[in-house]
C-alpha cells in the first residue's frame, strides 16, 4: 500500500485543504476536504495494479500543478471558522411586541424555517430544534458545528453548518447532503430544485449540483455576501455593493443594482427580492429588471427581513432589538421591541412573525392587526417560556454506511436503489420499475458503497433530470 498526502494553504483566508491518495492493489482511494476535518472519500477499482498506480500518479500530478505540496498530516491547524459578528443594543421602541411564546436555545441563533407543521431553529452550538406552532418542543438534531442557516426546498429541510457541510434534516437520521469546498467560508445558502447556491465571506457565489459537484462560481462585486436567493429564473446575490442576479445555468450576469449600504440579509417573493442593508433600509427590487421599487426606512442596520405572502406587509429586524412592519408602499405601520435581543433571521406565517435572536431565542410574535394595535397602547400578553421535554428525541448525522438501519426485504410501496461505479465515481441508480434508470439519485456520499442496495420511502423527480429521496434510507441486506 502507498499513501500520498498533500495540502494547499493560502494566506488571507484562501484555500486551506488537503488531498490524500491511497493505492492498495487495484483500488485507489482519494480523501479530500478542509484541513483538520475528516473530509470525504471516493474509491475506484482498476483492472490491474499498474493502471491503479498510473491513475493515482495522474491525480497527484494534477493537484501539485495547482499548488498542492507534500505535507505531514496534523502539523497545520484547522482554520478558524468565521462567525458573523453582530451587536445588539436595547430597543428604542416605546412598546414591546406581543410575544406569545419564547424558546431559549442556549446560543445565538441564525437558522429559522416555519412550515405547515413545525418551527425549526438552529443555533451556533450546532443544535437544531423542531417545535409545534404552539411552542411545544418536538425533537432535537445535534450537528457537528454551528448552524449558519436553515433553508427549505419544497419538502426538504437543509442546515448549512460551520463544518463546511450542508445537512439534510428531512428524515429521522440527518445526512451530509453537500460538502462545500474548503476555500468557501459559508455565510448563507439557498437550495432550489436540489441545486445549492452558496454566498461566502469573500463575496463569492458558488453553485453546486445534486451530485455535490462544482458547477460555476462568480467573484462578487463586493465582499461579505450574506444574501443568496434562487428561483427558476435566477440566483440573487447580495453583498457589500448591492444585489446581482445571475442565470442559474452558467452564472451569466442578468443585472446589478447598487443598494443603500451593504446587504446583510435577503428575502424573496414571486416577483421581487428584498435586501436588508447596513444603512437602515430594506429595499424591494424587481426580479425582472433589478429596479428598486420601494424603500423601507428603519432606525438602525437591518439584520433580517421577511414579508407576508405577496409582499403585502414587510417586516424588518434591526441591530437595536426592534422589529418593524411596513405597508407595501413603504409606509411604516409600527415599531416594537422584541423583548429579547436583535432578530438575526425571521419568517412570517399566518399572522405570526417568528424571530431568532442574538440571545438564542425563537420568538413567536402575534402580528395580527388587533394584537399590534393593543401592543402600541401598552397591552401585550404574558409571554410563555417554553421548556425542553425531559425525554426529547435526539438525532445525530449518519457518517458511515454502518450507521444506516438495515432491512432484509423492501417494504411494500418503497423504492430500491443501487450504488454503482461510473468513470471512477459512485452513483446511485433506481432498481425498481417505473423510473428512468439513466437518472442519478441524489444520495448521501458518506453511506455510498459500490454494489450495495438501499430502500427509500419515495423518490421525486427534479427539474434537472435526477431523483431526490423522500423519507428514510435503509440498507438492503
Protein backbone atom coordinates (compact mmCIF):
# COMPACT_ATOMS: atom_id res chain seq x y z
CA UNK A 1 0.00 0.00 0.00
CA UNK A 2 1.19 3.53 -0.80
CA UNK A 3 -0.19 6.81 0.51
CA UNK A 4 0.46 10.40 -0.64
CA UNK A 5 -0.77 13.30 1.47
CA UNK A 6 -0.85 16.87 0.05
CA UNK A 7 -2.01 20.22 1.38
CA UNK A 8 -2.81 23.61 -0.10
CA UNK A 9 -2.95 26.50 2.36
CA UNK A 10 -3.15 30.14 1.28
CA UNK A 11 -2.87 33.28 3.36
CA UNK A 12 -5.62 35.85 3.65
CA UNK A 13 -8.50 33.42 4.08
CA UNK A 14 -7.88 31.48 0.86
CA UNK A 15 -7.74 27.72 0.37
CA UNK A 16 -6.91 25.54 3.38
CA UNK A 17 -7.45 21.97 2.22
CA UNK A 18 -5.87 18.55 1.87
CA UNK A 19 -5.82 15.80 -0.75
CA UNK A 20 -4.76 12.24 0.08
CA UNK A 21 -4.34 9.38 -2.41
CA UNK A 22 -4.03 5.77 -1.23
CA UNK A 23 -3.23 2.86 -3.56
CA UNK A 24 -3.85 -0.69 -2.42
CA UNK A 25 -3.55 -3.21 -5.23
CA UNK A 26 -6.14 -2.34 -7.85
CA UNK A 27 -8.00 0.09 -5.58
CA UNK A 28 -7.37 3.87 -5.46
CA UNK A 29 -8.94 5.87 -2.62
CA UNK A 30 -8.99 9.66 -2.66
CA UNK A 31 -9.80 11.56 0.53
CA UNK A 32 -10.12 15.35 0.45
CA UNK A 33 -11.57 18.26 2.37
CA UNK A 34 -10.72 21.02 4.85
CA UNK A 35 -7.51 20.64 6.84
CA UNK A 36 -8.40 19.22 10.23
CA UNK A 37 -11.67 17.65 9.04
CA UNK A 38 -12.32 14.01 8.11
CA UNK A 39 -13.26 15.05 4.58
CA UNK A 40 -14.94 12.75 2.12
CA UNK A 41 -13.63 9.69 0.29
CA UNK A 42 -14.02 8.37 -3.25
CA UNK A 43 -12.86 4.88 -4.19
CA UNK A 44 -12.16 3.48 -7.68
CA UNK A 45 -11.16 -0.02 -8.79
CA UNK A 46 -8.96 -0.62 -11.86
CA UNK A 47 -8.31 -3.74 -13.97
CA UNK A 48 -4.67 -4.02 -12.86
CA UNK A 49 -2.41 -2.70 -10.11
CA UNK A 50 -0.31 -0.93 -12.76
CA UNK A 51 -3.35 1.01 -14.02
CA UNK A 52 -4.27 1.91 -10.44
CA UNK A 53 -0.75 3.31 -9.85
CA UNK A 54 -0.92 5.29 -13.10
CA UNK A 55 -4.31 6.77 -12.20
CA UNK A 56 -3.05 7.76 -8.75
CA UNK A 57 0.06 9.39 -10.19
CA UNK A 58 -2.09 11.39 -12.59
CA UNK A 59 -4.31 12.66 -9.78
CA UNK A 60 -1.29 13.64 -7.66
CA UNK A 61 0.34 15.43 -10.58
CA UNK A 62 -2.83 17.42 -11.31
CA UNK A 63 -3.04 18.61 -7.70
CA UNK A 64 0.64 19.54 -7.46
CA UNK A 65 0.33 21.62 -10.60
CA UNK A 66 -2.48 23.51 -8.82
CA UNK A 67 -0.20 24.35 -5.89
CA UNK A 68 -0.62 21.40 -3.54
CA UNK A 69 2.56 20.19 -1.86
CA UNK A 70 3.56 17.16 0.26
CA UNK A 71 2.81 17.73 3.95
CA UNK A 72 2.59 15.95 7.28
CA UNK A 73 -0.97 15.47 8.40
CA UNK A 74 -1.72 17.28 11.66
CA UNK A 75 1.05 19.88 11.51
CA UNK A 76 -1.23 22.60 10.17
CA UNK A 77 -4.09 23.57 12.46
CA UNK A 78 -7.64 23.84 11.13
CA UNK A 79 -8.52 27.37 10.09
CA UNK A 80 -10.94 29.12 12.41
CA UNK A 81 -14.47 29.39 11.08
CA UNK A 82 -15.80 32.89 10.52
CA UNK A 83 -18.59 33.76 12.93
CA UNK A 84 -20.94 36.55 11.99
CA UNK A 85 -20.02 39.46 14.24
CA UNK A 86 -23.15 41.27 15.39
CA UNK A 87 -24.02 43.70 18.13
CA UNK A 88 -27.36 44.16 19.82
CA UNK A 89 -28.47 47.29 21.65
CA UNK A 90 -31.64 47.84 23.69
CA UNK A 91 -34.70 48.82 21.67
CA UNK A 92 -35.73 52.47 21.37
CA UNK A 93 -39.35 51.48 20.73
CA UNK A 94 -41.84 52.67 23.35
CA UNK A 95 -43.81 49.42 23.29
CA UNK A 96 -42.89 45.73 23.28
CA UNK A 97 -44.13 43.31 20.64
CA UNK A 98 -46.99 40.95 21.59
CA UNK A 99 -44.84 37.86 22.15
CA UNK A 100 -46.92 34.68 22.55
CA UNK A 101 -44.09 32.31 23.47
CA UNK A 102 -40.30 32.18 23.60
CA UNK A 103 -37.92 29.21 23.42
CA UNK A 104 -34.32 29.77 24.53
CA UNK A 105 -31.90 27.52 22.63
CA UNK A 106 -28.82 28.45 24.66
CA UNK A 107 -26.73 30.04 21.89
CA UNK A 108 -27.11 32.81 19.30
CA UNK A 109 -29.37 31.59 16.51
CA UNK A 110 -29.36 32.38 12.78
CA UNK A 111 -31.33 29.47 11.35
CA UNK A 112 -35.12 29.53 11.09
CA UNK A 113 -37.76 27.86 8.97
CA UNK A 114 -41.51 27.67 9.55
CA UNK A 115 -43.54 25.12 7.59
CA UNK A 116 -47.12 23.92 7.85
CA UNK A 117 -46.41 21.59 10.76
CA UNK A 118 -43.28 22.72 12.55
CA UNK A 119 -40.96 25.53 13.52
CA UNK A 120 -37.22 24.91 13.00
CA UNK A 121 -34.46 26.81 14.79
CA UNK A 122 -30.67 26.26 14.52
CA UNK A 123 -28.03 27.87 16.73
CA UNK A 124 -24.26 28.39 16.89
CA UNK A 125 -23.84 25.40 19.22
CA UNK A 126 -24.91 23.06 16.40
CA UNK A 127 -28.38 22.39 17.82
CA UNK A 128 -31.45 22.29 15.61
CA UNK A 129 -34.79 22.07 17.41
CA UNK A 130 -38.23 21.45 15.96
CA UNK A 131 -41.31 22.85 17.71
CA UNK A 132 -45.03 22.80 17.10
CA UNK A 133 -46.60 26.14 16.17
CA UNK A 134 -47.88 26.38 19.71
CA UNK A 135 -44.33 26.15 21.08
CA UNK A 136 -44.07 22.52 22.21
CA UNK A 137 -40.56 21.14 21.57
CA UNK A 138 -40.73 18.01 19.38
CA UNK A 139 -37.17 16.92 18.55
CA UNK A 140 -33.51 17.90 18.53
CA UNK A 141 -30.76 17.38 15.95
CA UNK A 142 -27.14 17.64 17.05
CA UNK A 143 -24.84 18.76 14.21
CA UNK A 144 -21.02 18.87 14.44
CA UNK A 145 -20.70 22.67 14.35
CA UNK A 146 -22.62 25.93 14.39
CA UNK A 147 -25.67 26.28 12.14
CA UNK A 148 -25.35 29.22 9.73
CA UNK A 149 -28.85 28.93 8.25
CA UNK A 150 -31.86 26.70 7.65
CA UNK A 151 -33.47 26.61 4.21
CA UNK A 152 -36.33 24.67 2.66
CA UNK A 153 -36.54 23.30 -0.87
CA UNK A 154 -40.08 22.01 -1.22
CA UNK A 155 -40.34 19.13 1.30
CA UNK A 156 -36.62 19.02 2.11
CA UNK A 157 -35.03 20.96 5.00
CA UNK A 158 -31.30 21.74 4.94
CA UNK A 159 -28.92 23.15 7.55
CA UNK A 160 -25.77 24.99 6.48
CA UNK A 161 -23.13 24.12 9.06
CA UNK A 162 -19.81 25.69 10.07
CA UNK A 163 -18.05 22.37 9.41
CA UNK A 164 -18.43 23.14 5.69
CA UNK A 165 -21.28 20.72 5.08
CA UNK A 166 -24.98 21.05 4.37
CA UNK A 167 -27.15 18.52 6.20
CA UNK A 168 -30.48 17.14 5.00
CA UNK A 169 -32.82 17.05 8.03
CA UNK A 170 -35.86 15.72 6.17
CA UNK A 171 -35.75 12.18 7.60
CA UNK A 172 -35.21 10.88 11.13
CA UNK A 173 -31.47 10.47 10.56
CA UNK A 174 -29.77 13.61 9.19
CA UNK A 175 -27.24 13.19 6.36
CA UNK A 176 -24.48 15.37 4.93
CA UNK A 177 -26.01 16.16 1.52
CA UNK A 178 -23.31 18.57 0.27
CA UNK A 179 -19.65 19.07 1.17
CA UNK A 180 -18.57 22.64 0.42
CA UNK A 181 -15.10 23.31 -0.99
CA UNK A 182 -12.54 24.07 1.72
CA UNK A 183 -11.92 27.62 0.49
CA UNK A 184 -15.62 28.55 0.60
CA UNK A 185 -16.44 30.03 4.00
CA UNK A 186 -20.26 29.78 4.11
CA UNK A 187 -22.15 32.89 5.11
CA UNK A 188 -25.55 31.94 3.70
CA UNK A 189 -27.06 29.49 1.24
CA UNK A 190 -30.20 28.62 -0.67
CA UNK A 191 -31.26 25.42 -2.43
CA UNK A 192 -33.60 25.27 -5.41
CA UNK A 193 -34.56 22.00 -7.12
CA UNK A 194 -31.58 20.28 -5.49
CA UNK A 195 -29.02 22.86 -6.71
CA UNK A 196 -27.05 24.51 -3.91
CA UNK A 197 -26.16 28.22 -4.06
CA UNK A 198 -23.59 29.47 -1.54
CA UNK A 199 -22.66 33.04 -0.63
CA UNK A 200 -19.37 33.31 1.27
CA UNK A 201 -17.17 35.60 3.30
CA UNK A 202 -15.16 36.68 0.26
CA UNK A 203 -18.30 37.89 -1.53
CA UNK A 204 -18.34 34.98 -3.97
CA UNK A 205 -21.27 32.97 -5.26
CA UNK A 206 -20.67 29.21 -5.73
CA UNK A 207 -23.19 26.83 -7.31
CA UNK A 208 -23.09 23.06 -6.71
CA UNK A 209 -25.33 20.46 -8.33
CA UNK A 210 -27.24 17.49 -6.90
CA UNK A 211 -24.17 15.24 -7.16
CA UNK A 212 -22.20 17.62 -4.94
CA UNK A 213 -20.10 18.69 -7.93
CA UNK A 214 -18.99 22.26 -8.55
CA UNK A 215 -20.92 23.92 -11.40
CA UNK A 216 -19.78 27.52 -11.51
CA UNK A 217 -18.61 30.38 -9.30
CA UNK A 218 -18.53 34.13 -9.62
CA UNK A 219 -16.46 36.62 -7.67
CA UNK A 220 -18.83 39.17 -6.24
CA UNK A 221 -18.61 42.88 -6.92
CA UNK A 222 -18.21 43.28 -3.16
CA UNK A 223 -17.39 41.29 -0.03
CA UNK A 224 -19.19 39.61 2.87
CA UNK A 225 -22.07 38.10 0.90
CA UNK A 226 -24.93 37.21 3.24
CA UNK A 227 -27.83 37.20 0.83
CA UNK A 228 -28.50 34.45 -1.69
CA UNK A 229 -31.94 33.52 -3.01
CA UNK A 230 -32.79 31.36 -6.02
CA UNK A 231 -35.74 30.52 -8.26
CA UNK A 232 -36.25 29.14 -11.78
CA UNK A 233 -35.15 32.41 -13.36
CA UNK A 234 -32.05 33.48 -11.47
CA UNK A 235 -29.80 33.40 -8.43
CA UNK A 236 -29.96 36.70 -6.50
CA UNK A 237 -26.71 37.53 -4.71
CA UNK A 238 -26.41 40.34 -2.14
CA UNK A 239 -23.05 41.72 -0.97
CA UNK A 240 -21.36 44.94 0.14
CA UNK A 241 -22.01 46.66 -3.21
CA UNK A 242 -25.64 45.71 -3.80
CA UNK A 243 -27.56 42.86 -5.42
CA UNK A 244 -26.54 40.95 -8.56
CA UNK A 245 -28.72 38.47 -10.45
CA UNK A 246 -27.16 35.56 -12.38
CA UNK A 247 -28.65 32.91 -14.64
CA UNK A 248 -28.94 29.53 -12.87
CA UNK A 249 -27.09 27.75 -15.68
CA UNK A 250 -23.62 29.19 -16.18
CA UNK A 251 -23.89 32.26 -13.98
CA UNK A 252 -24.27 34.94 -16.68
CA UNK A 253 -24.98 38.30 -15.05
CA UNK A 254 -28.53 39.49 -15.73
CA UNK A 255 -28.44 42.74 -13.77
CA UNK A 256 -26.68 44.52 -10.92
CA UNK A 257 -28.24 47.13 -8.64
CA UNK A 258 -26.35 49.18 -6.03
CA UNK A 259 -28.26 49.42 -2.74
CA UNK A 260 -28.26 51.90 0.13
CA UNK A 261 -25.48 50.22 2.05
CA UNK A 262 -24.11 46.69 2.26
CA UNK A 263 -26.68 43.91 2.01
CA UNK A 264 -26.96 41.96 5.26
CA UNK A 265 -29.97 39.74 4.60
CA UNK A 266 -32.33 38.83 1.80
CA UNK A 267 -35.88 37.62 1.25
CA UNK A 268 -37.81 36.76 -1.91
CA UNK A 269 -41.35 36.66 -3.21
CA UNK A 270 -42.52 35.62 -6.68
CA UNK A 271 -41.65 38.88 -8.44
CA UNK A 272 -39.33 40.70 -6.04
CA UNK A 273 -36.32 40.29 -3.78
CA UNK A 274 -35.88 42.24 -0.56
CA UNK A 275 -32.45 43.38 0.63
CA UNK A 276 -31.89 44.42 4.23
CA UNK A 277 -28.92 46.81 4.43
CA UNK A 278 -26.46 48.27 6.87
CA UNK A 279 -27.76 51.76 6.04
CA UNK A 280 -31.04 51.25 7.94
CA UNK A 281 -33.20 50.21 4.98
CA UNK A 282 -34.94 47.31 3.33
CA UNK A 283 -35.17 47.74 -0.45
CA UNK A 284 -37.54 45.87 -2.78
CA UNK A 285 -36.02 45.05 -6.17
CA UNK A 286 -37.80 43.77 -9.27
CA UNK A 287 -36.64 40.27 -10.17
CA UNK A 288 -37.12 41.04 -13.85
CA UNK A 289 -35.02 44.21 -14.10
CA UNK A 290 -33.33 44.83 -10.74
CA UNK A 291 -35.10 48.20 -10.43
CA UNK A 292 -35.66 49.42 -6.87
CA UNK A 293 -39.44 49.52 -6.41
CA UNK A 294 -39.70 50.61 -2.76
CA UNK A 295 -37.53 51.52 0.23
CA UNK A 296 -38.47 50.81 3.84
CA UNK A 297 -36.70 53.02 6.39
CA UNK A 298 -35.66 51.70 9.82
CA UNK A 299 -33.72 53.34 12.65
CA UNK A 300 -30.71 51.01 12.62
CA UNK A 301 -28.82 48.48 10.47
CA UNK A 302 -31.24 45.78 9.26
CA UNK A 303 -30.19 42.28 10.34
CA UNK A 304 -33.22 40.47 8.90
CA UNK A 305 -36.39 40.93 6.89
CA UNK A 306 -39.43 38.97 5.70
CA UNK A 307 -42.83 39.59 4.16
CA UNK A 308 -46.36 38.30 4.33
CA UNK A 309 -47.44 36.44 1.13
CA UNK A 310 -47.09 38.59 -1.96
CA UNK A 311 -45.23 41.31 -0.07
CA UNK A 312 -48.43 42.78 1.39
CA UNK A 313 -46.60 43.58 4.65
CA UNK A 314 -42.83 43.94 5.01
CA UNK A 315 -41.10 43.16 8.32
CA UNK A 316 -37.58 44.07 9.44
CA UNK A 317 -35.39 43.49 12.48
CA UNK A 318 -32.66 45.98 13.37
CA UNK A 319 -29.49 45.93 15.47
CA UNK A 320 -31.27 47.62 18.38
CA UNK A 321 -33.69 44.81 19.26
CA UNK A 322 -36.62 46.37 17.38
CA UNK A 323 -38.97 44.83 14.84
CA UNK A 324 -40.86 46.86 12.21
CA UNK A 325 -43.88 46.40 9.97
CA UNK A 326 -44.40 48.39 6.76
CA UNK A 327 -47.16 48.61 4.21
CA UNK A 328 -46.18 47.50 0.70
CA UNK A 329 -45.58 51.12 -0.43
CA UNK A 330 -43.05 51.80 2.35
CA UNK A 331 -45.31 53.38 4.98
CA UNK A 332 -44.16 52.40 8.48
CA UNK A 333 -47.09 50.90 10.37
CA UNK A 334 -45.36 50.07 13.64
CA UNK A 335 -42.09 49.62 15.51
CA UNK A 336 -41.92 47.44 18.61
CA UNK A 337 -39.23 45.99 20.85
CA UNK A 338 -38.56 42.25 20.55
CA UNK A 339 -38.26 41.88 24.31
CA UNK A 340 -35.08 39.83 23.93
CA UNK A 341 -32.25 40.66 21.54
CA UNK A 342 -31.99 41.60 17.88
CA UNK A 343 -33.67 39.41 15.24
CA UNK A 344 -30.93 37.73 13.18
CA UNK A 345 -33.48 35.92 10.98
CA UNK A 346 -37.26 35.93 10.69
CA UNK A 347 -40.22 34.39 8.91
CA UNK A 348 -43.93 35.27 8.71
CA UNK A 349 -46.75 32.73 8.64
CA UNK A 350 -50.49 33.02 9.29
CA UNK A 351 -50.39 36.35 11.18
CA UNK A 352 -47.45 35.19 13.28
CA UNK A 353 -43.94 36.61 13.00
CA UNK A 354 -41.21 34.18 14.10
CA UNK A 355 -37.80 35.59 15.08
CA UNK A 356 -34.46 34.08 16.09
CA UNK A 357 -32.32 36.42 18.10
CA UNK A 358 -28.89 37.31 19.40
CA UNK A 359 -29.72 35.78 22.78
CA UNK A 360 -30.54 32.45 21.10
CA UNK A 361 -34.32 32.64 21.38
CA UNK A 362 -37.00 31.56 18.94
CA UNK A 363 -39.77 34.09 19.48
CA UNK A 364 -43.37 33.87 18.24
CA UNK A 365 -44.99 37.30 17.84
CA UNK A 366 -48.70 37.85 17.25
CA UNK A 367 -48.56 40.03 14.13
CA UNK A 368 -52.33 40.37 13.68
CA UNK A 369 -53.67 43.90 13.37
CA UNK A 370 -55.61 43.64 16.62
CA UNK A 371 -52.61 42.39 18.62
CA UNK A 372 -50.27 45.07 17.28
CA UNK A 373 -52.80 47.84 17.95
CA UNK A 374 -53.13 46.63 21.51
CA UNK A 375 -49.32 46.45 21.88
CA UNK A 376 -48.94 50.05 20.73
CA UNK A 377 -51.33 51.01 23.53
CA UNK A 378 -49.22 49.06 26.03
CA UNK A 379 -51.34 45.91 26.25
CA UNK A 380 -49.36 42.73 25.48
CA UNK A 381 -49.86 39.10 26.51
CA UNK A 382 -47.62 37.46 29.09
CA UNK A 383 -45.02 35.60 27.03
CA UNK A 384 -44.84 31.89 27.77
CA UNK A 385 -41.33 30.46 28.24
CA UNK A 386 -41.11 27.08 26.51
CA UNK A 387 -39.12 24.37 28.28
CA UNK A 388 -37.34 21.32 26.89
CA UNK A 389 -39.12 17.99 27.33
CA UNK A 390 -37.46 15.55 29.72
CA UNK A 391 -37.16 12.77 27.13
CA UNK A 392 -36.64 14.68 23.89
CA UNK A 393 -35.88 12.58 20.77
CA UNK A 394 -32.34 13.49 19.63
CA UNK A 395 -30.79 12.69 16.25
CA UNK A 396 -27.15 12.92 15.07
CA UNK A 397 -25.86 12.61 11.49
CA UNK A 398 -25.08 9.29 9.83
CA UNK A 399 -21.37 9.32 8.99
CA UNK A 400 -20.70 5.82 7.61
CA UNK A 401 -22.51 3.05 5.75
CA UNK A 402 -22.59 1.11 9.01
CA UNK A 403 -24.72 3.77 10.70
CA UNK A 404 -27.69 3.08 8.41
CA UNK A 405 -30.51 0.78 9.54
CA UNK A 406 -30.66 -2.49 7.59
CA UNK A 407 -33.69 -4.43 6.32
CA UNK A 408 -33.97 -7.91 4.81
CA UNK A 409 -36.70 -7.00 2.33
CA UNK A 410 -38.13 -3.87 0.75
CA UNK A 411 -41.47 -2.87 2.35
CA UNK A 412 -44.49 -2.55 0.08
CA UNK A 413 -44.55 0.77 -1.73
CA UNK A 414 -40.86 1.55 -1.13
CA UNK A 415 -38.21 2.06 -3.82
CA UNK A 416 -34.95 0.14 -4.25
CA UNK A 417 -31.82 1.95 -5.46
CA UNK A 418 -28.29 0.69 -6.08
CA UNK A 419 -24.80 2.18 -5.75
CA UNK A 420 -22.72 1.72 -8.91
CA UNK A 421 -19.37 2.96 -10.19
CA UNK A 422 -19.23 5.09 -13.32
CA UNK A 423 -15.99 6.57 -14.61
CA UNK A 424 -14.36 6.36 -11.22
CA UNK A 425 -17.32 7.90 -9.34
CA UNK A 426 -20.00 6.29 -7.22
CA UNK A 427 -23.55 6.96 -8.42
CA UNK A 428 -26.98 5.86 -7.25
CA UNK A 429 -29.46 4.49 -9.81
CA UNK A 430 -33.02 3.21 -9.41
CA UNK A 431 -33.64 -0.54 -9.49
CA UNK A 432 -37.43 -0.52 -9.01
CA UNK A 433 -39.73 -0.42 -12.03
CA UNK A 434 -41.41 2.76 -13.20
CA UNK A 435 -38.39 5.08 -13.03
CA UNK A 436 -35.82 6.29 -15.54
CA UNK A 437 -32.78 4.16 -14.73
CA UNK A 438 -30.41 6.53 -16.55
CA UNK A 439 -31.09 9.26 -13.98
CA UNK A 440 -28.92 9.62 -10.90
CA UNK A 441 -30.39 9.77 -7.41
CA UNK A 442 -29.25 12.50 -5.02
CA UNK A 443 -27.88 10.46 -2.12
CA UNK A 444 -25.59 10.97 0.91
CA UNK A 445 -21.96 10.34 -0.07
CA UNK A 446 -20.95 9.14 3.39
CA UNK A 447 -23.05 5.98 3.12
CA UNK A 448 -22.46 5.07 -0.55
CA UNK A 449 -20.86 1.68 -1.06
CA UNK A 450 -20.41 0.23 -4.57
CA UNK A 451 -22.66 -2.79 -5.12
CA UNK A 452 -24.89 -2.04 -2.12
CA UNK A 453 -28.65 -1.66 -2.46
CA UNK A 454 -30.81 0.66 -0.39
CA UNK A 455 -34.52 1.08 0.29
CA UNK A 456 -36.07 4.56 0.35
CA UNK A 457 -39.62 5.58 1.15
CA UNK A 458 -40.13 7.52 -2.09
CA UNK A 459 -38.36 9.26 -4.98
CA UNK A 460 -39.34 12.58 -6.53
CA UNK A 461 -38.18 13.80 -9.95
CA UNK A 462 -36.38 17.16 -10.00
CA UNK A 463 -36.39 19.52 -13.00
CA UNK A 464 -32.65 18.95 -13.53
CA UNK A 465 -33.17 15.32 -14.57
CA UNK A 466 -32.43 13.46 -11.32
CA UNK A 467 -34.33 11.96 -8.39
CA UNK A 468 -34.46 13.11 -4.79
CA UNK A 469 -35.04 10.83 -1.81
CA UNK A 470 -38.00 11.48 0.43
CA UNK A 471 -38.20 9.75 3.81
CA UNK A 472 -35.87 7.29 5.48
CA UNK A 473 -32.95 5.40 3.92
CA UNK A 474 -32.25 1.77 4.87
CA UNK A 475 -29.67 -0.67 3.55
CA UNK A 476 -30.99 -3.84 1.90
CA UNK A 477 -29.15 -6.96 3.11
